[in-house]
Amino acid sequence: MEDLEIYADEEEEAAAEEGANRTFIILVGALGGLLALGICAFVAWAFWLNPQRRADIEAQNQATLATQTAIAAEAAAAEVETATISPTDTATAAPTDTPQPRPTEPPTATGAPATTAPTPGETATPGEIAQAPTATPTATATRRPTATPRSDNAGVPNTGIGALGASALAVGLLFLLLVVRRMRRAM
């Protein structure tokens, strides 16, 4: 009799382990199916969508090349046309008033020592006034603060998955959480 009870306990444990194994096998099968679906999508892209995209790009490149060739041919024709025009002989009068070169004055030294200004009651002679240094303005660079340009749209930039994609992802993860909890409770 004791032998029968030992075998019954082993059968119950084997049935419990088989139920856990069955859930694992179902989940592995689902992930394998998802992987197979992804591989099929990649193969479809590689054989149908990508060659069409490449053909469109190649056609656009050919159109650009044809346009550039036409522009170059037109520019070459215009260059040949201007080269074939021969200059005509025209009588020109000799210049009548030719300006003569003048000697240049040597530059004055900047920062020359300042002469003393006449004291009140004294008058400066015109020679002193001519030799007195004058202030020359110097150009200095000024910095203007500029604002950093901002985009006009206040929303999320058009990068990543966007608001709709994030919402769909959140709903999908919530659904997955509920399914997993129900499966765990069923066991």
C-alpha atoms as a PDB file:
ATOM      1  CA  MET A   1       0.000   0.000   0.000  1.00  0.00           C
ATOM      2  CA  GLU A   2       2.748   2.362   0.789  1.00  0.00           C
ATOM      3  CA  ASP A   3       4.094   1.844  -2.704  1.00  0.00           C
ATOM      4  CA  LEU A   4       0.848   3.084  -4.211  1.00  0.00           C
ATOM      5  CA  GLU A   5       0.923   6.288  -2.146  1.00  0.00           C
ATOM      6  CA  ILE A   6       4.513   7.067  -3.245  1.00  0.00           C
ATOM      7  CA  TYR A   7       3.602   6.679  -6.878  1.00  0.00           C
ATOM      8  CA  ALA A   8       0.525   8.905  -6.487  1.00  0.00           C
ATOM      9  CA  ASP A   9       2.626  11.761  -5.055  1.00  0.00           C
ATOM     10  CA  GLU A  10       5.109  11.449  -7.919  1.00  0.00           C
ATOM     11  CA  GLU A  11       2.284  11.559 -10.475  1.00  0.00           C
ATOM     12  CA  GLU A  12       0.869  14.759  -8.922  1.00  0.00           C
ATOM     13  CA  GLU A  13       4.317  16.418  -8.983  1.00  0.00           C
ATOM     14  CA  ALA A  14       4.836  15.355 -12.606  1.00  0.00           C
ATOM     15  CA  ALA A  15       1.436  16.824 -13.582  1.00  0.00           C
ATOM     16  CA  ALA A  16       2.293  20.135 -11.835  1.00  0.00           C
ATOM     17  CA  GLU A  17       5.682  20.302 -13.570  1.00  0.00           C
ATOM     18  CA  GLU A  18       4.078  19.517 -16.910  1.00  0.00           C
ATOM     19  CA  GLY A  19       1.638  22.460 -16.484  1.00  0.00           C
ATOM     20  CA  ALA A  20       4.551  24.839 -15.831  1.00  0.00           C
ATOM     21  CA  ASN A  21       6.454  23.410 -18.788  1.00  0.00           C
ATOM     22  CA  ARG A  22       3.407  23.836 -21.003  1.00  0.00           C
ATOM     23  CA  THR A  23       3.239  27.586 -20.183  1.00  0.00           C
ATOM     24  CA  PHE A  24       6.954  27.948 -20.918  1.00  0.00           C
ATOM     25  CA  ILE A  25       6.604  26.125 -24.227  1.00  0.00           C
ATOM     26  CA  ILE A  26       3.659  28.351 -25.225  1.00  0.00           C
ATOM     27  CA  LEU A  27       5.652  31.505 -24.446  1.00  0.00           C
ATOM     28  CA  VAL A  28       8.708  30.231 -26.338  1.00  0.00           C
ATOM     29  CA  GLY A  29       6.461  29.397 -29.299  1.00  0.00           C
ATOM     30  CA  ALA A  30       4.968  32.916 -29.230  1.00  0.00           C
ATOM     31  CA  LEU A  31       8.423  34.525 -29.162  1.00  0.00           C
ATOM     32  CA  GLY A  32       9.574  32.211 -31.962  1.00  0.00           C
ATOM     33  CA  GLY A  33       6.561  33.228 -34.038  1.00  0.00           C
ATOM     34  CA  LEU A  34       7.341  36.911 -33.397  1.00  0.00           C
ATOM     35  CA  LEU A  35      10.931  36.319 -34.500  1.00  0.00           C
ATOM     36  CA  ALA A  36       9.753  34.522 -37.649  1.00  0.00           C
ATOM     37  CA  LEU A  37       7.377  37.400 -38.412  1.00  0.00           C
ATOM     38  CA  GLY A  38      10.267  39.887 -38.044  1.00  0.00           C
ATOM     39  CA  ILE A  39      12.469  37.835 -40.364  1.00  0.00           C
ATOM     40  CA  CYS A  40       9.669  37.686 -42.961  1.00  0.00           C
ATOM     41  CA  ALA A  41       9.243  41.467 -42.734  1.00  0.00           C
ATOM     42  CA  PHE A  42      12.976  41.965 -43.294  1.00  0.00           C
ATOM     43  CA  VAL A  43      13.005  39.633 -46.291  1.00  0.00           C
ATOM     44  CA  ALA A  44      10.009  41.474 -47.782  1.00  0.00           C
ATOM     45  CA  TRP A  45      11.808  44.789 -47.319  1.00  0.00           C
ATOM     46  CA  ALA A  46      15.056  43.442 -48.802  1.00  0.00           C
ATOM     47  CA  PHE A  47      13.412  41.991 -51.926  1.00  0.00           C
ATOM     48  CA  TRP A  48      10.559  44.396 -52.695  1.00  0.00           C
ATOM     49  CA  LEU A  49      10.818  47.751 -50.961  1.00  0.00           C
ATOM     50  CA  ASN A  50      14.564  48.414 -50.972  1.00  0.00           C
ATOM     51  CA  PRO A  51      15.101  47.826 -54.734  1.00  0.00           C
ATOM     52  CA  GLN A  52      12.262  50.229 -55.536  1.00  0.00           C
ATOM     53  CA  ARG A  53      13.810  52.856 -53.259  1.00  0.00           C
ATOM     54  CA  ARG A  54      17.212  52.388 -54.874  1.00  0.00           C
ATOM     55  CA  ALA A  55      15.683  52.648 -58.354  1.00  0.00           C
ATOM     56  CA  ASP A  56      13.978  55.915 -57.373  1.00  0.00           C
ATOM     57  CA  ILE A  57      17.259  57.330 -56.064  1.00  0.00           C
ATOM     58  CA  GLU A  58      19.096  56.224 -59.216  1.00  0.00           C
ATOM     59  CA  ALA A  59      16.455  57.875 -61.424  1.00  0.00           C
ATOM     60  CA  GLN A  60      16.776  61.079 -59.416  1.00  0.00           C
ATOM     61  CA  ASN A  61      20.569  60.952 -59.774  1.00  0.00           C
ATOM     62  CA  GLN A  62      20.248  60.477 -63.548  1.00  0.00           C
ATOM     63  CA  ALA A  63      17.889  63.469 -63.795  1.00  0.00           C
ATOM     64  CA  THR A  64      20.304  65.612 -61.788  1.00  0.00           C
ATOM     65  CA  LEU A  65      23.222  64.509 -63.980  1.00  0.00           C
ATOM     66  CA  ALA A  66      21.254  65.307 -67.154  1.00  0.00           C
ATOM     67  CA  THR A  67      20.394  68.768 -65.813  1.00  0.00           C
ATOM     68  CA  GLN A  68      24.001  69.487 -64.876  1.00  0.00           C
ATOM     69  CA  THR A  69      25.220  68.262 -68.264  1.00  0.00           C
ATOM     70  CA  ALA A  70      22.742  70.539 -70.050  1.00  0.00           C
ATOM     71  CA  ILE A  71      23.856  73.517 -67.957  1.00  0.00           C
ATOM     72  CA  ALA A  72      27.526  72.762 -68.660  1.00  0.00           C
ATOM     73  CA  ALA A  73      26.856  72.406 -72.408  1.00  0.00           C
ATOM     74  CA  GLU A  74      24.951  75.689 -72.432  1.00  0.00           C
ATOM     75  CA  ALA A  75      27.772  77.444 -70.576  1.00  0.00           C
ATOM     76  CA  ALA A  76      30.344  75.993 -73.000  1.00  0.00           C
ATOM     77  CA  ALA A  77      28.275  77.143 -76.001  1.00  0.00           C
ATOM     78  CA  ALA A  78      28.030  80.636 -74.542  1.00  0.00           C
ATOM     79  CA  GLU A  79      31.793  80.644 -73.959  1.00  0.00           C
ATOM     80  CA  VAL A  80      32.492  79.571 -77.547  1.00  0.00           C
ATOM     81  CA  GLU A  81      30.060  82.204 -78.815  1.00  0.00           C
ATOM     82  CA  THR A  82      31.845  84.964 -76.902  1.00  0.00           C
ATOM     83  CA  ALA A  83      35.223  83.682 -78.063  1.00  0.00           C
ATOM     84  CA  THR A  84      34.239  83.836 -81.742  1.00  0.00           C
ATOM     85  CA  ILE A  85      33.226  87.497 -81.602  1.00  0.00           C
ATOM     86  CA  SER A  86      36.193  89.433 -82.984  1.00  0.00           C
ATOM     87  CA  PRO A  87      36.902  92.885 -81.669  1.00  0.00           C
ATOM     88  CA  THR A  88      36.362  95.721 -84.147  1.00  0.00           C
ATOM     89  CA  ASP A  89      38.956  98.401 -84.733  1.00  0.00           C
ATOM     90  CA  THR A  90      37.796 101.757 -83.484  1.00  0.00           C
ATOM     91  CA  ALA A  91      39.703 104.959 -83.369  1.00  0.00           C
ATOM     92  CA  THR A  92      40.264 106.186 -79.857  1.00  0.00           C
ATOM     93  CA  ALA A  93      41.581 109.578 -78.974  1.00  0.00           C
ATOM     94  CA  ALA A  94      44.827 109.888 -77.068  1.00  0.00           C
ATOM     95  CA  PRO A  95      44.427 111.004 -73.469  1.00  0.00           C
ATOM     96  CA  THR A  96      44.808 114.722 -73.081  1.00  0.00           C
ATOM     97  CA  ASP A  97      45.297 115.237 -69.352  1.00  0.00           C
ATOM     98  CA  THR A  98      47.497 112.656 -67.694  1.00  0.00           C
ATOM     99  CA  PRO A  99      47.787 113.079 -63.921  1.00  0.00           C
ATOM    100  CA  GLN A 100      51.347 113.302 -62.654  1.00  0.00           C
ATOM    101  CA  PRO A 101      52.420 111.242 -59.656  1.00  0.00           C
ATOM    102  CA  ARG A 102      52.832 113.174 -56.410  1.00  0.00           C
ATOM    103  CA  PRO A 103      55.236 112.256 -53.649  1.00  0.00           C
ATOM    104  CA  THR A 104      53.541 110.705 -50.670  1.00  0.00           C
ATOM    105  CA  GLU A 105      54.075 112.035 -47.205  1.00  0.00           C
ATOM    106  CA  PRO A 106      55.664 109.696 -44.692  1.00  0.00           C
ATOM    107  CA  PRO A 107      53.262 108.380 -42.078  1.00  0.00           C
ATOM    108  CA  THR A 108      53.193 110.148 -38.759  1.00  0.00           C
ATOM    109  CA  ALA A 109      54.018 108.251 -35.630  1.00  0.00           C
ATOM    110  CA  THR A 110      51.079 107.571 -33.420  1.00  0.00           C
ATOM    111  CA  GLY A 111      51.373 108.089 -29.739  1.00  0.00           C
ATOM    112  CA  ALA A 112      53.778 111.005 -30.068  1.00  0.00           C
ATOM    113  CA  PRO A 113      54.375 112.857 -26.840  1.00  0.00           C
ATOM    114  CA  ALA A 114      51.804 115.548 -26.386  1.00  0.00           C
ATOM    115  CA  THR A 115      52.953 119.119 -26.297  1.00  0.00           C
ATOM    116  CA  THR A 116      51.789 121.231 -23.499  1.00  0.00           C
ATOM    117  CA  ALA A 117      48.759 123.274 -24.179  1.00  0.00           C
ATOM    118  CA  PRO A 118      49.142 127.010 -23.889  1.00  0.00           C
ATOM    119  CA  THR A 119      48.199 128.386 -20.548  1.00  0.00           C
ATOM    120  CA  PRO A 120      45.425 130.911 -20.343  1.00  0.00           C
ATOM    121  CA  GLY A 121      46.606 134.203 -21.537  1.00  0.00           C
ATOM    122  CA  GLU A 122      49.073 132.700 -24.031  1.00  0.00           C
ATOM    123  CA  THR A 123      48.230 132.274 -27.632  1.00  0.00           C
ATOM    124  CA  ALA A 124      49.562 129.440 -29.745  1.00  0.00           C
ATOM    125  CA  THR A 125      51.151 130.157 -33.051  1.00  0.00           C
ATOM    126  CA  PRO A 126      49.813 128.454 -36.180  1.00  0.00           C
ATOM    127  CA  GLY A 127      52.970 126.319 -36.361  1.00  0.00           C
ATOM    128  CA  GLU A 128      52.428 125.014 -32.840  1.00  0.00           C
ATOM    129  CA  ILE A 129      48.835 124.241 -33.621  1.00  0.00           C
ATOM    130  CA  ALA A 130      49.842 122.315 -36.782  1.00  0.00           C
ATOM    131  CA  GLN A 131      52.417 120.254 -34.886  1.00  0.00           C
ATOM    132  CA  ALA A 132      50.156 119.495 -31.947  1.00  0.00           C
ATOM    133  CA  PRO A 133      49.003 115.863 -32.014  1.00  0.00           C
ATOM    134  CA  THR A 134      45.412 115.251 -32.804  1.00  0.00           C
ATOM    135  CA  ALA A 135      43.365 112.423 -31.432  1.00  0.00           C
ATOM    136  CA  THR A 136      42.616 109.821 -34.046  1.00  0.00           C
ATOM    137  CA  PRO A 137      39.648 107.589 -33.422  1.00  0.00           C
ATOM    138  CA  THR A 138      40.379 103.906 -33.407  1.00  0.00           C
ATOM    139  CA  ALA A 139      37.897 101.293 -34.470  1.00  0.00           C
ATOM    140  CA  THR A 140      36.946  98.860 -31.755  1.00  0.00           C
ATOM    141  CA  ALA A 141      34.827  95.796 -32.182  1.00  0.00           C
ATOM    142  CA  THR A 142      31.585  95.767 -30.285  1.00  0.00           C
ATOM    143  CA  ARG A 143      29.694  92.651 -29.342  1.00  0.00           C
ATOM    144  CA  ARG A 144      25.990  92.530 -29.725  1.00  0.00           C
ATOM    145  CA  PRO A 145      24.104  89.926 -27.770  1.00  0.00           C
ATOM    146  CA  THR A 146      21.906  87.865 -30.039  1.00  0.00           C
ATOM    147  CA  ALA A 147      19.107  85.565 -29.067  1.00  0.00           C
ATOM    148  CA  THR A 148      19.333  81.874 -29.783  1.00  0.00           C
ATOM    149  CA  PRO A 149      16.755  80.988 -32.444  1.00  0.00           C
ATOM    150  CA  ARG A 150      13.901  78.823 -31.230  1.00  0.00           C
ATOM    151  CA  SER A 151      11.590  76.664 -33.180  1.00  0.00           C
ATOM    152  CA  ASP A 152       8.035  77.929 -33.479  1.00  0.00           C
ATOM    153  CA  ASN A 153       6.385  74.659 -32.616  1.00  0.00           C
ATOM    154  CA  ALA A 154       6.084  73.987 -28.921  1.00  0.00           C
ATOM    155  CA  GLY A 155       5.474  70.263 -29.324  1.00  0.00           C
ATOM    156  CA  VAL A 156       7.793  67.319 -29.318  1.00  0.00           C
ATOM    157  CA  PRO A 157      10.337  67.472 -32.155  1.00  0.00           C
ATOM    158  CA  ASN A 158       9.807  65.044 -35.026  1.00  0.00           C
ATOM    159  CA  THR A 159      12.308  62.506 -33.747  1.00  0.00           C
ATOM    160  CA  GLY A 160      11.824  59.124 -32.172  1.00  0.00           C
ATOM    161  CA  ILE A 161       8.464  57.407 -31.915  1.00  0.00           C
ATOM    162  CA  GLY A 162       6.302  60.467 -31.206  1.00  0.00           C
ATOM    163  CA  ALA A 163       3.286  60.816 -28.935  1.00  0.00           C
ATOM    164  CA  LEU A 164       1.068  58.339 -30.798  1.00  0.00           C
ATOM    165  CA  GLY A 165       3.777  55.677 -30.862  1.00  0.00           C
ATOM    166  CA  ALA A 166       4.526  56.155 -27.149  1.00  0.00           C
ATOM    167  CA  SER A 167       0.817  55.823 -26.345  1.00  0.00           C
ATOM    168  CA  ALA A 168       0.517  52.630 -28.403  1.00  0.00           C
ATOM    169  CA  LEU A 169       3.625  51.226 -26.702  1.00  0.00           C
ATOM    170  CA  ALA A 170       2.197  52.014 -23.235  1.00  0.00           C
ATOM    171  CA  VAL A 171      -1.120  50.339 -24.059  1.00  0.00           C
ATOM    172  CA  GLY A 172       0.688  47.289 -25.435  1.00  0.00           C
ATOM    173  CA  LEU A 173       2.857  46.937 -22.331  1.00  0.00           C
ATOM    174  CA  LEU A 174      -0.194  47.301 -20.079  1.00  0.00           C
ATOM    175  CA  PHE A 175      -1.963  44.566 -22.063  1.00  0.00           C
ATOM    176  CA  LEU A 176       1.096  42.306 -21.724  1.00  0.00           C
ATOM    177  CA  LEU A 177       1.178  42.916 -17.973  1.00  0.00           C
ATOM    178  CA  LEU A 178      -2.488  41.912 -17.615  1.00  0.00           C
ATOM    179  CA  VAL A 179      -2.046  38.761 -19.712  1.00  0.00           C
ATOM    180  CA  VAL A 180       0.976  37.628 -17.713  1.00  0.00           C
ATOM    181  CA  ARG A 181      -0.807  38.200 -14.395  1.00  0.00           C
ATOM    182  CA  ARG A 182      -3.840  36.165 -15.539  1.00  0.00           C
ATOM    183  CA  MET A 183      -1.582  33.345 -16.709  1.00  0.00           C
ATOM    184  CA  ARG A 184       0.205  33.276 -13.353  1.00  0.00           C
ATOM    185  CA  ARG A 185      -3.102  33.202 -11.452  1.00  0.00           C
ATOM    186  CA  ALA A 186      -4.372  30.364 -13.635  1.00  0.00           C
ATOM    187  CA  MET A 187      -1.492  28.164 -12.529  1.00  0.00           C
END
